[in-house]
PDB file of N, CA and C in Angstrom:
ATOM      1  N   MET A   1      62.189  42.507   5.118  1.00  0.00           N
ATOM      2  CA  MET A   1      62.783  41.522   5.989  1.00  0.00           C
ATOM      3  C   MET A   1      62.395  41.858   7.441  1.00  0.00           C
ATOM      4  N   THR A   2      61.857  40.874   8.143  1.00  0.00           N
ATOM      5  CA  THR A   2      61.491  41.108   9.536  1.00  0.00           C
ATOM      6  C   THR A   2      62.632  40.690  10.450  1.00  0.00           C
ATOM      7  N   ARG A   3      62.908  41.543  11.418  1.00  0.00           N
ATOM      8  CA  ARG A   3      63.956  41.249  12.388  1.00  0.00           C
ATOM      9  C   ARG A   3      63.369  40.387  13.491  1.00  0.00           C
ATOM     10  N   PRO A   4      64.137  39.440  14.007  1.00  0.00           N
ATOM     11  CA  PRO A   4      63.624  38.616  15.104  1.00  0.00           C
ATOM     12  C   PRO A   4      63.426  39.474  16.359  1.00  0.00           C
ATOM     13  N   ILE A   5      62.418  39.112  17.125  1.00  0.00           N
ATOM     14  CA  ILE A   5      62.148  39.806  18.374  1.00  0.00           C
ATOM     15  C   ILE A   5      63.143  39.289  19.399  1.00  0.00           C
ATOM     16  N   PRO A   6      63.822  40.187  20.104  1.00  0.00           N
ATOM     17  CA  PRO A   6      64.795  39.706  21.091  1.00  0.00           C
ATOM     18  C   PRO A   6      64.114  39.002  22.260  1.00  0.00           C
ATOM     19  N   ALA A   7      64.812  38.056  22.847  1.00  0.00           N
ATOM     20  CA  ALA A   7      64.279  37.339  24.011  1.00  0.00           C
ATOM     21  C   ALA A   7      64.392  38.224  25.245  1.00  0.00           C
ATOM     22  N   ALA A   8      63.350  38.205  26.059  1.00  0.00           N
ATOM     23  CA  ALA A   8      63.317  39.010  27.272  1.00  0.00           C
ATOM     24  C   ALA A   8      63.745  38.186  28.477  1.00  0.00           C
ATOM     25  N   ASN A   9      64.165  38.883  29.490  1.00  0.00           N
ATOM     26  CA  ASN A   9      64.445  38.277  30.783  1.00  0.00           C
ATOM     27  C   ASN A   9      63.209  38.555  31.635  1.00  0.00           C
ATOM     28  N   VAL A  10      62.513  37.520  32.069  1.00  0.00           N
ATOM     29  CA  VAL A  10      61.252  37.676  32.787  1.00  0.00           C
ATOM     30  C   VAL A  10      61.404  38.537  34.047  1.00  0.00           C
ATOM     31  N   ASP A  11      62.573  38.534  34.649  1.00  0.00           N
ATOM     32  CA  ASP A  11      62.806  39.291  35.876  1.00  0.00           C
ATOM     33  C   ASP A  11      63.268  40.725  35.639  1.00  0.00           C
ATOM     34  N   ASP A  12      63.530  41.097  34.397  1.00  0.00           N
ATOM     35  CA  ASP A  12      64.014  42.439  34.085  1.00  0.00           C
ATOM     36  C   ASP A  12      63.024  43.136  33.151  1.00  0.00           C
ATOM     37  N   LEU A  13      62.179  43.987  33.727  1.00  0.00           N
ATOM     38  CA  LEU A  13      61.140  44.659  32.938  1.00  0.00           C
ATOM     39  C   LEU A  13      61.712  45.505  31.809  1.00  0.00           C
ATOM     40  N   GLN A  14      62.954  45.926  31.927  1.00  0.00           N
ATOM     41  CA  GLN A  14      63.593  46.728  30.873  1.00  0.00           C
ATOM     42  C   GLN A  14      63.732  45.928  29.575  1.00  0.00           C
ATOM     43  N   THR A  15      63.791  44.596  29.674  1.00  0.00           N
ATOM     44  CA  THR A  15      63.988  43.758  28.486  1.00  0.00           C
ATOM     45  C   THR A  15      62.667  43.332  27.837  1.00  0.00           C
ATOM     46  N   TRP A  16      61.552  43.614  28.507  1.00  0.00           N
ATOM     47  CA  TRP A  16      60.254  43.215  27.959  1.00  0.00           C
ATOM     48  C   TRP A  16      59.975  44.000  26.679  1.00  0.00           C
ATOM     49  N   VAL A  17      59.268  43.372  25.748  1.00  0.00           N
ATOM     50  CA  VAL A  17      58.992  44.002  24.450  1.00  0.00           C
ATOM     51  C   VAL A  17      57.520  44.360  24.325  1.00  0.00           C
ATOM     52  N   LYS A  18      57.244  45.369  23.500  1.00  0.00           N
ATOM     53  CA  LYS A  18      55.868  45.798  23.252  1.00  0.00           C
ATOM     54  C   LYS A  18      55.088  44.613  22.703  1.00  0.00           C
ATOM     55  N   TYR A  19      53.934  44.345  23.294  1.00  0.00           N
ATOM     56  CA  TYR A  19      53.131  43.176  22.930  1.00  0.00           C
ATOM     57  C   TYR A  19      52.461  43.339  21.566  1.00  0.00           C
ATOM     58  N   LYS A  20      52.513  42.270  20.781  1.00  0.00           N
ATOM     59  CA  LYS A  20      51.781  42.156  19.513  1.00  0.00           C
ATOM     60  C   LYS A  20      51.093  40.793  19.545  1.00  0.00           C
ATOM     61  N   SER A  21      49.852  40.740  19.117  1.00  0.00           N
ATOM     62  CA  SER A  21      49.043  39.520  19.273  1.00  0.00           C
ATOM     63  C   SER A  21      49.666  38.256  18.674  1.00  0.00           C
ATOM     64  N   LYS A  22      50.423  38.375  17.612  1.00  0.00           N
ATOM     65  CA  LYS A  22      50.980  37.180  16.968  1.00  0.00           C
ATOM     66  C   LYS A  22      52.177  36.598  17.722  1.00  0.00           C
ATOM     67  N   MET A  23      52.669  37.318  18.719  1.00  0.00           N
ATOM     68  CA  MET A  23      53.838  36.849  19.470  1.00  0.00           C
ATOM     69  C   MET A  23      53.550  35.533  20.193  1.00  0.00           C
ATOM     70  N   CYS A  24      52.334  35.369  20.671  1.00  0.00           N
ATOM     71  CA  CYS A  24      51.992  34.187  21.470  1.00  0.00           C
ATOM     72  C   CYS A  24      52.222  32.880  20.705  1.00  0.00           C
ATOM     73  N   GLN A  25      52.044  32.908  19.392  1.00  0.00           N
ATOM     74  CA  GLN A  25      52.183  31.695  18.593  1.00  0.00           C
ATOM     75  C   GLN A  25      53.610  31.149  18.592  1.00  0.00           C
ATOM     76  N   SER A  26      54.593  32.034  18.781  1.00  0.00           N
ATOM     77  CA  SER A  26      55.976  31.577  18.729  1.00  0.00           C
ATOM     78  C   SER A  26      56.698  31.724  20.070  1.00  0.00           C
ATOM     79  N   CYS A  27      55.931  31.949  21.134  1.00  0.00           N
ATOM     80  CA  CYS A  27      56.535  32.139  22.456  1.00  0.00           C
ATOM     81  C   CYS A  27      56.505  30.830  23.250  1.00  0.00           C
ATOM     82  N   ARG A  28      57.409  30.710  24.195  1.00  0.00           N
ATOM     83  CA  ARG A  28      57.465  29.506  25.025  1.00  0.00           C
ATOM     84  C   ARG A  28      56.637  29.636  26.293  1.00  0.00           C
ATOM     85  N   GLY A  29      55.738  30.620  26.352  1.00  0.00           N
ATOM     86  CA  GLY A  29      54.836  30.762  27.496  1.00  0.00           C
ATOM     87  C   GLY A  29      55.512  31.375  28.707  1.00  0.00           C
ATOM     88  N   THR A  30      56.363  32.346  28.468  1.00  0.00           N
ATOM     89  CA  THR A  30      57.102  32.968  29.566  1.00  0.00           C
ATOM     90  C   THR A  30      56.169  33.595  30.591  1.00  0.00           C
ATOM     91  N   CYS A  31      55.054  34.144  30.150  1.00  0.00           N
ATOM     92  CA  CYS A  31      54.106  34.760  31.083  1.00  0.00           C
ATOM     93  C   CYS A  31      53.587  33.732  32.088  1.00  0.00           C
ATOM     94  N   CYS A  32      53.650  32.466  31.735  1.00  0.00           N
ATOM     95  CA  CYS A  32      53.171  31.399  32.617  1.00  0.00           C
ATOM     96  C   CYS A  32      54.179  31.045  33.700  1.00  0.00           C
ATOM     97  N   SER A  33      55.282  31.778  33.746  1.00  0.00           N
ATOM     98  CA  SER A  33      56.224  31.584  34.848  1.00  0.00           C
ATOM     99  C   SER A  33      56.166  32.764  35.820  1.00  0.00           C
ATOM    100  N   LEU A  34      55.218  33.669  35.590  1.00  0.00           N
ATOM    101  CA  LEU A  34      54.965  34.761  36.527  1.00  0.00           C
ATOM    102  C   LEU A  34      53.964  34.274  37.572  1.00  0.00           C
ATOM    103  N   PRO A  35      53.959  34.862  38.767  1.00  0.00           N
ATOM    104  CA  PRO A  35      52.955  34.461  39.766  1.00  0.00           C
ATOM    105  C   PRO A  35      51.545  34.754  39.237  1.00  0.00           C
ATOM    106  N   VAL A  36      50.631  33.801  39.419  1.00  0.00           N
ATOM    107  CA  VAL A  36      49.247  33.964  38.942  1.00  0.00           C
ATOM    108  C   VAL A  36      48.334  34.169  40.145  1.00  0.00           C
ATOM    109  N   GLU A  37      47.827  35.402  40.255  1.00  0.00           N
ATOM    110  CA  GLU A  37      46.895  35.717  41.334  1.00  0.00           C
ATOM    111  C   GLU A  37      45.479  35.400  40.878  1.00  0.00           C
ATOM    112  N   VAL A  38      44.723  34.743  41.752  1.00  0.00           N
ATOM    113  CA  VAL A  38      43.353  34.359  41.423  1.00  0.00           C
ATOM    114  C   VAL A  38      42.422  34.712  42.580  1.00  0.00           C
ATOM    115  N   ARG A  39      41.170  34.840  42.247  1.00  0.00           N
ATOM    116  CA  ARG A  39      40.131  35.098  43.244  1.00  0.00           C
ATOM    117  C   ARG A  39      39.177  33.901  43.257  1.00  0.00           C
ATOM    118  N   PHE A  40      38.239  33.947  44.162  1.00  0.00           N
ATOM    119  CA  PHE A  40      37.287  32.850  44.321  1.00  0.00           C
ATOM    120  C   PHE A  40      36.620  32.497  42.986  1.00  0.00           C
ATOM    121  N   ALA A  41      36.131  33.504  42.253  1.00  0.00           N
ATOM    122  CA  ALA A  41      35.433  33.255  40.979  1.00  0.00           C
ATOM    123  C   ALA A  41      36.323  32.520  39.980  1.00  0.00           C
ATOM    124  N   ASP A  42      37.608  32.843  39.963  1.00  0.00           N
ATOM    125  CA  ASP A  42      38.545  32.142  39.071  1.00  0.00           C
ATOM    126  C   ASP A  42      38.641  30.668  39.448  1.00  0.00           C
ATOM    127  N   LEU A  43      38.735  30.407  40.742  1.00  0.00           N
ATOM    128  CA  LEU A  43      38.862  29.024  41.216  1.00  0.00           C
ATOM    129  C   LEU A  43      37.615  28.207  40.903  1.00  0.00           C
ATOM    130  N   VAL A  44      36.455  28.861  40.913  1.00  0.00           N
ATOM    131  CA  VAL A  44      35.213  28.178  40.519  1.00  0.00           C
ATOM    132  C   VAL A  44      35.258  27.884  39.027  1.00  0.00           C
ATOM    133  N   ARG A  45      35.633  28.876  38.208  1.00  0.00           N
ATOM    134  CA  ARG A  45      35.709  28.681  36.754  1.00  0.00           C
ATOM    135  C   ARG A  45      36.698  27.578  36.408  1.00  0.00           C
ATOM    136  N   MET A  46      37.783  27.499  37.166  1.00  0.00           N
ATOM    137  CA  MET A  46      38.813  26.493  36.926  1.00  0.00           C
ATOM    138  C   MET A  46      38.377  25.100  37.366  1.00  0.00           C
ATOM    139  N   GLY A  47      37.268  25.015  38.099  1.00  0.00           N
ATOM    140  CA  GLY A  47      36.774  23.724  38.555  1.00  0.00           C
ATOM    141  C   GLY A  47      37.429  23.240  39.837  1.00  0.00           C
ATOM    142  N   VAL A  48      38.159  24.116  40.499  1.00  0.00           N
ATOM    143  CA  VAL A  48      38.854  23.769  41.737  1.00  0.00           C
ATOM    144  C   VAL A  48      37.901  23.882  42.928  1.00  0.00           C
ATOM    145  N   LEU A  49      37.034  24.869  42.886  1.00  0.00           N
ATOM    146  CA  LEU A  49      36.015  25.080  43.918  1.00  0.00           C
ATOM    147  C   LEU A  49      34.651  25.116  43.237  1.00  0.00           C
ATOM    148  N   ASP A  50      33.589  25.044  44.040  1.00  0.00           N
ATOM    149  CA  ASP A  50      32.251  25.244  43.476  1.00  0.00           C
ATOM    150  C   ASP A  50      31.545  26.324  44.290  1.00  0.00           C
ATOM    151  N   GLU A  51      30.384  26.732  43.822  1.00  0.00           N
ATOM    152  CA  GLU A  51      29.645  27.827  44.456  1.00  0.00           C
ATOM    153  C   GLU A  51      29.339  27.559  45.930  1.00  0.00           C
ATOM    154  N   PHE A  52      29.178  26.303  46.303  1.00  0.00           N
ATOM    155  CA  PHE A  52      28.884  25.965  47.693  1.00  0.00           C
ATOM    156  C   PHE A  52      30.038  26.344  48.622  1.00  0.00           C
ATOM    157  N   ASP A  53      31.252  26.407  48.070  1.00  0.00           N
ATOM    158  CA  ASP A  53      32.417  26.768  48.877  1.00  0.00           C
ATOM    159  C   ASP A  53      32.406  28.244  49.283  1.00  0.00           C
ATOM    160  N   ALA A  54      31.547  29.040  48.688  1.00  0.00           N
ATOM    161  CA  ALA A  54      31.473  30.473  49.014  1.00  0.00           C
ATOM    162  C   ALA A  54      31.105  30.691  50.471  1.00  0.00           C
ATOM    163  N   HIS A  55      30.465  29.721  51.096  1.00  0.00           N
ATOM    164  CA  HIS A  55      30.047  29.846  52.496  1.00  0.00           C
ATOM    165  C   HIS A  55      31.183  29.538  53.471  1.00  0.00           C
ATOM    166  N   GLU A  56      32.258  28.971  52.940  1.00  0.00           N
ATOM    167  CA  GLU A  56      33.387  28.626  53.796  1.00  0.00           C
ATOM    168  C   GLU A  56      34.339  29.825  53.905  1.00  0.00           C
ATOM    169  N   GLN A  57      35.029  29.932  55.006  1.00  0.00           N
ATOM    170  CA  GLN A  57      35.971  31.022  55.202  1.00  0.00           C
ATOM    171  C   GLN A  57      37.116  30.909  54.189  1.00  0.00           C
ATOM    172  N   PRO A  58      37.466  32.039  53.530  1.00  0.00           N
ATOM    173  CA  PRO A  58      38.540  32.013  52.529  1.00  0.00           C
ATOM    174  C   PRO A  58      39.858  31.451  53.083  1.00  0.00           C
ATOM    175  N   LYS A  59      40.160  31.762  54.319  1.00  0.00           N
ATOM    176  CA  LYS A  59      41.409  31.269  54.912  1.00  0.00           C
ATOM    177  C   LYS A  59      41.394  29.743  55.008  1.00  0.00           C
ATOM    178  N   ARG A  60      40.237  29.188  55.331  1.00  0.00           N
ATOM    179  CA  ARG A  60      40.097  27.734  55.417  1.00  0.00           C
ATOM    180  C   ARG A  60      40.205  27.102  54.018  1.00  0.00           C
ATOM    181  N   LEU A  61      39.581  27.759  53.023  1.00  0.00           N
ATOM    182  CA  LEU A  61      39.691  27.272  51.639  1.00  0.00           C
ATOM    183  C   LEU A  61      41.153  27.293  51.198  1.00  0.00           C
ATOM    184  N   ALA A  62      41.840  28.376  51.530  1.00  0.00           N
ATOM    185  CA  ALA A  62      43.248  28.503  51.153  1.00  0.00           C
ATOM    186  C   ALA A  62      44.076  27.369  51.751  1.00  0.00           C
ATOM    187  N   LYS A  63      43.835  27.068  52.998  1.00  0.00           N
ATOM    188  CA  LYS A  63      44.572  25.993  53.663  1.00  0.00           C
ATOM    189  C   LYS A  63      44.346  24.665  52.942  1.00  0.00           C
ATOM    190  N   ARG A  64      43.080  24.408  52.575  1.00  0.00           N
ATOM    191  CA  ARG A  64      42.750  23.172  51.859  1.00  0.00           C
ATOM    192  C   ARG A  64      43.439  23.137  50.487  1.00  0.00           C
ATOM    193  N   LEU A  65      43.389  24.259  49.761  1.00  0.00           N
ATOM    194  CA  LEU A  65      43.986  24.310  48.427  1.00  0.00           C
ATOM    195  C   LEU A  65      45.512  24.240  48.478  1.00  0.00           C
ATOM    196  N   MET A  66      46.091  24.755  49.551  1.00  0.00           N
ATOM    197  CA  MET A  66      47.544  24.632  49.719  1.00  0.00           C
ATOM    198  C   MET A  66      47.918  23.167  49.957  1.00  0.00           C
ATOM    199  N   LYS A  67      47.127  22.507  50.759  1.00  0.00           N
ATOM    200  CA  LYS A  67      47.359  21.084  51.039  1.00  0.00           C
ATOM    201  C   LYS A  67      47.260  20.258  49.753  1.00  0.00           C
ATOM    202  N   GLU A  68      46.335  20.647  48.862  1.00  0.00           N
ATOM    203  CA  GLU A  68      46.147  19.948  47.589  1.00  0.00           C
ATOM    204  C   GLU A  68      47.201  20.346  46.547  1.00  0.00           C
ATOM    205  N   GLY A  69      48.016  21.353  46.862  1.00  0.00           N
ATOM    206  CA  GLY A  69      49.067  21.784  45.935  1.00  0.00           C
ATOM    207  C   GLY A  69      48.593  22.710  44.840  1.00  0.00           C
ATOM    208  N   ILE A  70      47.407  23.263  44.966  1.00  0.00           N
ATOM    209  CA  ILE A  70      46.856  24.149  43.939  1.00  0.00           C
ATOM    210  C   ILE A  70      47.242  25.602  44.202  1.00  0.00           C
ATOM    211  N   VAL A  71      47.233  25.987  45.463  1.00  0.00           N
ATOM    212  CA  VAL A  71      47.552  27.347  45.860  1.00  0.00           C
ATOM    213  C   VAL A  71      48.854  27.335  46.643  1.00  0.00           C
ATOM    214  N   GLY A  72      49.706  28.327  46.346  1.00  0.00           N
ATOM    215  CA  GLY A  72      50.972  28.426  47.056  1.00  0.00           C
ATOM    216  C   GLY A  72      50.984  29.526  48.096  1.00  0.00           C
ATOM    217  N   HIS A  73      50.067  30.471  47.964  1.00  0.00           N
ATOM    218  CA  HIS A  73      50.036  31.605  48.887  1.00  0.00           C
ATOM    219  C   HIS A  73      48.619  32.168  48.945  1.00  0.00           C
ATOM    220  N   PHE A  74      48.270  32.764  50.085  1.00  0.00           N
ATOM    221  CA  PHE A  74      46.968  33.407  50.248  1.00  0.00           C
ATOM    222  C   PHE A  74      47.150  34.698  51.027  1.00  0.00           C
ATOM    223  N   ASN A  75      46.575  35.776  50.517  1.00  0.00           N
ATOM    224  CA  ASN A  75      46.593  37.062  51.208  1.00  0.00           C
ATOM    225  C   ASN A  75      45.239  37.230  51.880  1.00  0.00           C
ATOM    226  N   ASN A  76      45.203  37.078  53.174  1.00  0.00           N
ATOM    227  CA  ASN A  76      43.954  37.129  53.921  1.00  0.00           C
ATOM    228  C   ASN A  76      43.271  38.500  53.825  1.00  0.00           C
ATOM    229  N   LYS A  77      44.079  39.561  53.763  1.00  0.00           N
ATOM    230  CA  LYS A  77      43.541  40.920  53.720  1.00  0.00           C
ATOM    231  C   LYS A  77      42.773  41.183  52.417  1.00  0.00           C
ATOM    232  N   THR A  78      43.336  40.755  51.279  1.00  0.00           N
ATOM    233  CA  THR A  78      42.709  41.004  49.977  1.00  0.00           C
ATOM    234  C   THR A  78      41.912  39.806  49.458  1.00  0.00           C
ATOM    235  N   GLU A  79      42.056  38.669  50.129  1.00  0.00           N
ATOM    236  CA  GLU A  79      41.429  37.411  49.707  1.00  0.00           C
ATOM    237  C   GLU A  79      41.855  37.012  48.292  1.00  0.00           C
ATOM    238  N   VAL A  80      43.135  37.221  48.023  1.00  0.00           N
ATOM    239  CA  VAL A  80      43.717  36.839  46.739  1.00  0.00           C
ATOM    240  C   VAL A  80      44.622  35.633  46.965  1.00  0.00           C
ATOM    241  N   TYR A  81      44.416  34.621  46.145  1.00  0.00           N
ATOM    242  CA  TYR A  81      45.207  33.398  46.182  1.00  0.00           C
ATOM    243  C   TYR A  81      46.275  33.496  45.079  1.00  0.00           C
ATOM    244  N   THR A  82      47.397  32.849  45.272  1.00  0.00           N
ATOM    245  CA  THR A  82      48.405  32.742  44.222  1.00  0.00           C
ATOM    246  C   THR A  82      48.567  31.266  43.917  1.00  0.00           C
ATOM    247  N   LEU A  83      48.444  30.915  42.637  1.00  0.00           N
ATOM    248  CA  LEU A  83      48.562  29.511  42.244  1.00  0.00           C
ATOM    249  C   LEU A  83      49.961  28.976  42.524  1.00  0.00           C
ATOM    250  N   SER A  84      50.034  27.708  42.800  1.00  0.00           N
ATOM    251  CA  SER A  84      51.322  27.036  42.999  1.00  0.00           C
ATOM    252  C   SER A  84      52.093  27.029  41.692  1.00  0.00           C
ATOM    253  N   ARG A  85      53.407  26.889  41.841  1.00  0.00           N
ATOM    254  CA  ARG A  85      54.263  26.822  40.665  1.00  0.00           C
ATOM    255  C   ARG A  85      55.265  25.689  40.852  1.00  0.00           C
ATOM    256  N   TYR A  86      55.757  25.185  39.734  1.00  0.00           N
ATOM    257  CA  TYR A  86      56.808  24.168  39.765  1.00  0.00           C
ATOM    258  C   TYR A  86      58.113  24.808  40.217  1.00  0.00           C
ATOM    259  N   ALA A  87      59.123  24.003  40.476  1.00  0.00           N
ATOM    260  CA  ALA A  87      60.425  24.496  40.916  1.00  0.00           C
ATOM    261  C   ALA A  87      61.038  25.463  39.895  1.00  0.00           C
ATOM    262  N   ASN A  88      60.702  25.293  38.612  1.00  0.00           N
ATOM    263  CA  ASN A  88      61.235  26.193  37.578  1.00  0.00           C
ATOM    264  C   ASN A  88      60.380  27.457  37.413  1.00  0.00           C
ATOM    265  N   ASP A  89      59.432  27.668  38.322  1.00  0.00           N
ATOM    266  CA  ASP A  89      58.522  28.824  38.365  1.00  0.00           C
ATOM    267  C   ASP A  89      57.341  28.729  37.401  1.00  0.00           C
ATOM    268  N   ASP A  90      57.235  27.681  36.609  1.00  0.00           N
ATOM    269  CA  ASP A  90      56.088  27.528  35.715  1.00  0.00           C
ATOM    270  C   ASP A  90      54.817  27.283  36.519  1.00  0.00           C
ATOM    271  N   CYS A  91      53.720  27.805  36.022  1.00  0.00           N
ATOM    272  CA  CYS A  91      52.395  27.560  36.597  1.00  0.00           C
ATOM    273  C   CYS A  91      52.104  26.060  36.546  1.00  0.00           C
ATOM    274  N   ILE A  92      51.400  25.575  37.547  1.00  0.00           N
ATOM    275  CA  ILE A  92      51.080  24.138  37.572  1.00  0.00           C
ATOM    276  C   ILE A  92      50.130  23.735  36.451  1.00  0.00           C
ATOM    277  N   TYR A  93      49.515  24.714  35.787  1.00  0.00           N
ATOM    278  CA  TYR A  93      48.606  24.410  34.688  1.00  0.00           C
ATOM    279  C   TYR A  93      49.269  24.568  33.313  1.00  0.00           C
ATOM    280  N   LEU A  94      50.570  24.764  33.292  1.00  0.00           N
ATOM    281  CA  LEU A  94      51.311  24.856  32.034  1.00  0.00           C
ATOM    282  C   LEU A  94      51.896  23.487  31.718  1.00  0.00           C
ATOM    283  N   GLU A  95      51.494  22.920  30.593  1.00  0.00           N
ATOM    284  CA  GLU A  95      51.999  21.610  30.176  1.00  0.00           C
ATOM    285  C   GLU A  95      53.466  21.782  29.789  1.00  0.00           C
ATOM    286  N   GLN A  96      54.320  21.014  30.405  1.00  0.00           N
ATOM    287  CA  GLN A  96      55.760  21.211  30.273  1.00  0.00           C
ATOM    288  C   GLN A  96      56.318  20.989  28.860  1.00  0.00           C
ATOM    289  N   LYS A  97      55.817  20.016  28.136  1.00  0.00           N
ATOM    290  CA  LYS A  97      56.364  19.738  26.803  1.00  0.00           C
ATOM    291  C   LYS A  97      55.831  20.689  25.748  1.00  0.00           C
ATOM    292  N   THR A  98      54.521  20.891  25.710  1.00  0.00           N
ATOM    293  CA  THR A  98      53.930  21.738  24.672  1.00  0.00           C
ATOM    294  C   THR A  98      53.988  23.221  25.027  1.00  0.00           C
ATOM    295  N   ARG A  99      54.172  23.534  26.318  1.00  0.00           N
ATOM    296  CA  ARG A  99      54.167  24.904  26.826  1.00  0.00           C
ATOM    297  C   ARG A  99      52.818  25.571  26.587  1.00  0.00           C
ATOM    298  N   LEU A 100      51.744  24.775  26.656  1.00  0.00           N
ATOM    299  CA  LEU A 100      50.381  25.290  26.498  1.00  0.00           C
ATOM    300  C   LEU A 100      49.612  25.111  27.802  1.00  0.00           C
ATOM    301  N   CYS A 101      48.670  26.004  28.038  1.00  0.00           N
ATOM    302  CA  CYS A 101      47.848  25.956  29.241  1.00  0.00           C
ATOM    303  C   CYS A 101      46.842  24.812  29.130  1.00  0.00           C
ATOM    304  N   ILE A 102      46.782  23.971  30.151  1.00  0.00           N
ATOM    305  CA  ILE A 102      45.870  22.829  30.101  1.00  0.00           C
ATOM    306  C   ILE A 102      44.450  23.207  30.533  1.00  0.00           C
ATOM    307  N   ILE A 103      44.259  24.433  31.039  1.00  0.00           N
ATOM    308  CA  ILE A 103      42.910  24.894  31.408  1.00  0.00           C
ATOM    309  C   ILE A 103      42.572  26.182  30.651  1.00  0.00           C
ATOM    310  N   TYR A 104      43.115  26.333  29.453  1.00  0.00           N
ATOM    311  CA  TYR A 104      43.020  27.590  28.704  1.00  0.00           C
ATOM    312  C   TYR A 104      41.601  28.158  28.660  1.00  0.00           C
ATOM    313  N   GLU A 105      40.617  27.363  28.349  1.00  0.00           N
ATOM    314  CA  GLU A 105      39.233  27.858  28.258  1.00  0.00           C
ATOM    315  C   GLU A 105      38.710  28.357  29.607  1.00  0.00           C
ATOM    316  N   ASN A 106      39.246  27.832  30.685  1.00  0.00           N
ATOM    317  CA  ASN A 106      38.794  28.193  32.035  1.00  0.00           C
ATOM    318  C   ASN A 106      39.865  28.945  32.825  1.00  0.00           C
ATOM    319  N   ARG A 107      40.844  29.487  32.141  1.00  0.00           N
ATOM    320  CA  ARG A 107      41.966  30.155  32.808  1.00  0.00           C
ATOM    321  C   ARG A 107      41.502  31.360  33.636  1.00  0.00           C
ATOM    322  N   PRO A 108      42.294  31.733  34.633  1.00  0.00           N
ATOM    323  CA  PRO A 108      41.946  32.860  35.511  1.00  0.00           C
ATOM    324  C   PRO A 108      41.956  34.204  34.777  1.00  0.00           C
ATOM    325  N   ASP A 109      41.294  35.186  35.369  1.00  0.00           N
ATOM    326  CA  ASP A 109      41.248  36.529  34.785  1.00  0.00           C
ATOM    327  C   ASP A 109      42.641  37.129  34.611  1.00  0.00           C
ATOM    328  N   THR A 110      43.549  36.853  35.541  1.00  0.00           N
ATOM    329  CA  THR A 110      44.916  37.358  35.431  1.00  0.00           C
ATOM    330  C   THR A 110      45.523  36.951  34.096  1.00  0.00           C
ATOM    331  N   CYS A 111      45.314  35.714  33.714  1.00  0.00           N
ATOM    332  CA  CYS A 111      45.852  35.205  32.449  1.00  0.00           C
ATOM    333  C   CYS A 111      45.078  35.769  31.257  1.00  0.00           C
ATOM    334  N   ARG A 112      43.785  35.898  31.392  1.00  0.00           N
ATOM    335  CA  ARG A 112      42.950  36.434  30.311  1.00  0.00           C
ATOM    336  C   ARG A 112      43.326  37.872  29.973  1.00  0.00           C
ATOM    337  N   LYS A 113      43.710  38.629  30.970  1.00  0.00           N
ATOM    338  CA  LYS A 113      43.995  40.059  30.785  1.00  0.00           C
ATOM    339  C   LYS A 113      45.470  40.348  30.506  1.00  0.00           C
ATOM    340  N   HIS A 114      46.320  39.334  30.613  1.00  0.00           N
ATOM    341  CA  HIS A 114      47.747  39.551  30.365  1.00  0.00           C
ATOM    342  C   HIS A 114      47.987  39.657  28.871  1.00  0.00           C
ATOM    343  N   PRO A 115      48.775  40.566  28.380  1.00  0.00           N
ATOM    344  CA  PRO A 115      49.651  41.489  29.085  1.00  0.00           C
ATOM    345  C   PRO A 115      49.067  42.901  29.246  1.00  0.00           C
ATOM    346  N   MET A 116      47.775  43.076  29.019  1.00  0.00           N
ATOM    347  CA  MET A 116      47.192  44.410  29.157  1.00  0.00           C
ATOM    348  C   MET A 116      47.297  44.907  30.604  1.00  0.00           C
ATOM    349  N   VAL A 117      47.292  43.950  31.542  1.00  0.00           N
ATOM    350  CA  VAL A 117      47.468  44.271  32.948  1.00  0.00           C
ATOM    351  C   VAL A 117      48.635  43.415  33.438  1.00  0.00           C
ATOM    352  N   GLY A 118      49.395  43.902  34.318  1.00  0.00           N
ATOM    353  CA  GLY A 118      50.515  43.125  34.850  1.00  0.00           C
ATOM    354  C   GLY A 118      51.652  44.021  35.260  1.00  0.00           C
ATOM    355  N   PRO A 119      52.828  43.430  35.431  1.00  0.00           N
ATOM    356  CA  PRO A 119      53.969  44.203  35.921  1.00  0.00           C
ATOM    357  C   PRO A 119      54.357  45.366  34.992  1.00  0.00           C
ATOM    358  N   LYS A 120      54.156  45.177  33.682  1.00  0.00           N
ATOM    359  CA  LYS A 120      54.454  46.227  32.703  1.00  0.00           C
ATOM    360  C   LYS A 120      53.360  46.158  31.639  1.00  0.00           C
ATOM    361  N   PRO A 121      52.229  46.885  31.857  1.00  0.00           N
ATOM    362  CA  PRO A 121      51.086  46.810  30.946  1.00  0.00           C
ATOM    363  C   PRO A 121      51.458  47.020  29.478  1.00  0.00           C
ATOM    364  N   ASN A 122      50.890  46.135  28.642  1.00  0.00           N
ATOM    365  CA  ASN A 122      51.079  46.131  27.193  1.00  0.00           C
ATOM    366  C   ASN A 122      52.479  45.711  26.750  1.00  0.00           C
ATOM    367  N   TYR A 123      53.243  45.169  27.683  1.00  0.00           N
ATOM    368  CA  TYR A 123      54.559  44.627  27.359  1.00  0.00           C
ATOM    369  C   TYR A 123      54.583  43.168  27.782  1.00  0.00           C
ATOM    370  N   CYS A 124      55.497  42.420  27.192  1.00  0.00           N
ATOM    371  CA  CYS A 124      55.517  40.989  27.394  1.00  0.00           C
ATOM    372  C   CYS A 124      56.950  40.492  27.573  1.00  0.00           C
ATOM    373  N   ALA A 125      57.091  39.461  28.378  1.00  0.00           N
ATOM    374  CA  ALA A 125      58.410  38.832  28.590  1.00  0.00           C
ATOM    375  C   ALA A 125      58.629  37.756  27.541  1.00  0.00           C
ATOM    376  N   TYR A 126      58.513  38.132  26.276  1.00  0.00           N
ATOM    377  CA  TYR A 126      58.582  37.212  25.150  1.00  0.00           C
ATOM    378  C   TYR A 126      59.906  36.455  25.093  1.00  0.00           C
ATOM    379  N   GLN A 127      59.798  35.140  24.946  1.00  0.00           N
ATOM    380  CA  GLN A 127      60.955  34.283  24.702  1.00  0.00           C
ATOM    381  C   GLN A 127      60.567  33.296  23.605  1.00  0.00           C
ATOM    382  N   PRO A 128      61.264  33.289  22.492  1.00  0.00           N
ATOM    383  CA  PRO A 128      60.887  32.390  21.394  1.00  0.00           C
ATOM    384  C   PRO A 128      61.052  30.927  21.771  1.00  0.00           C
ATOM    385  N   LYS A 129      60.234  30.061  21.112  1.00  0.00           N
ATOM    386  CA  LYS A 129      60.292  28.603  21.358  1.00  0.00           C
ATOM    387  C   LYS A 129      61.606  28.052  20.896  1.00  0.00           C
TER     388      LYS A 129
END
């Protein structure tokens, strides 16, 4: 008999559970309510920017992307952008009804590497659907 995995509180790392690959199939996409940091290459892969934008100043690109509602924050020192989120903290690329990523094939490296990298490596803020 398998015991159900307890639901985690995304803001309390103590409640996160050890990650197992099959968890994603029954999760409501809690990781998609964490801040998503992206770099220029991610934004190109996502189709938000193109290679020609590499010649523009990152701060200027950030301002444009903030105006478009794609980026919510930019760190000028590290040149790291943070994607915008809905009022409920969900990523703007998370489909609200299905809880699936609408750009999954082109998702940022942060998402590709989660949960191996993140606030608690190899742990996940699992919440069942």
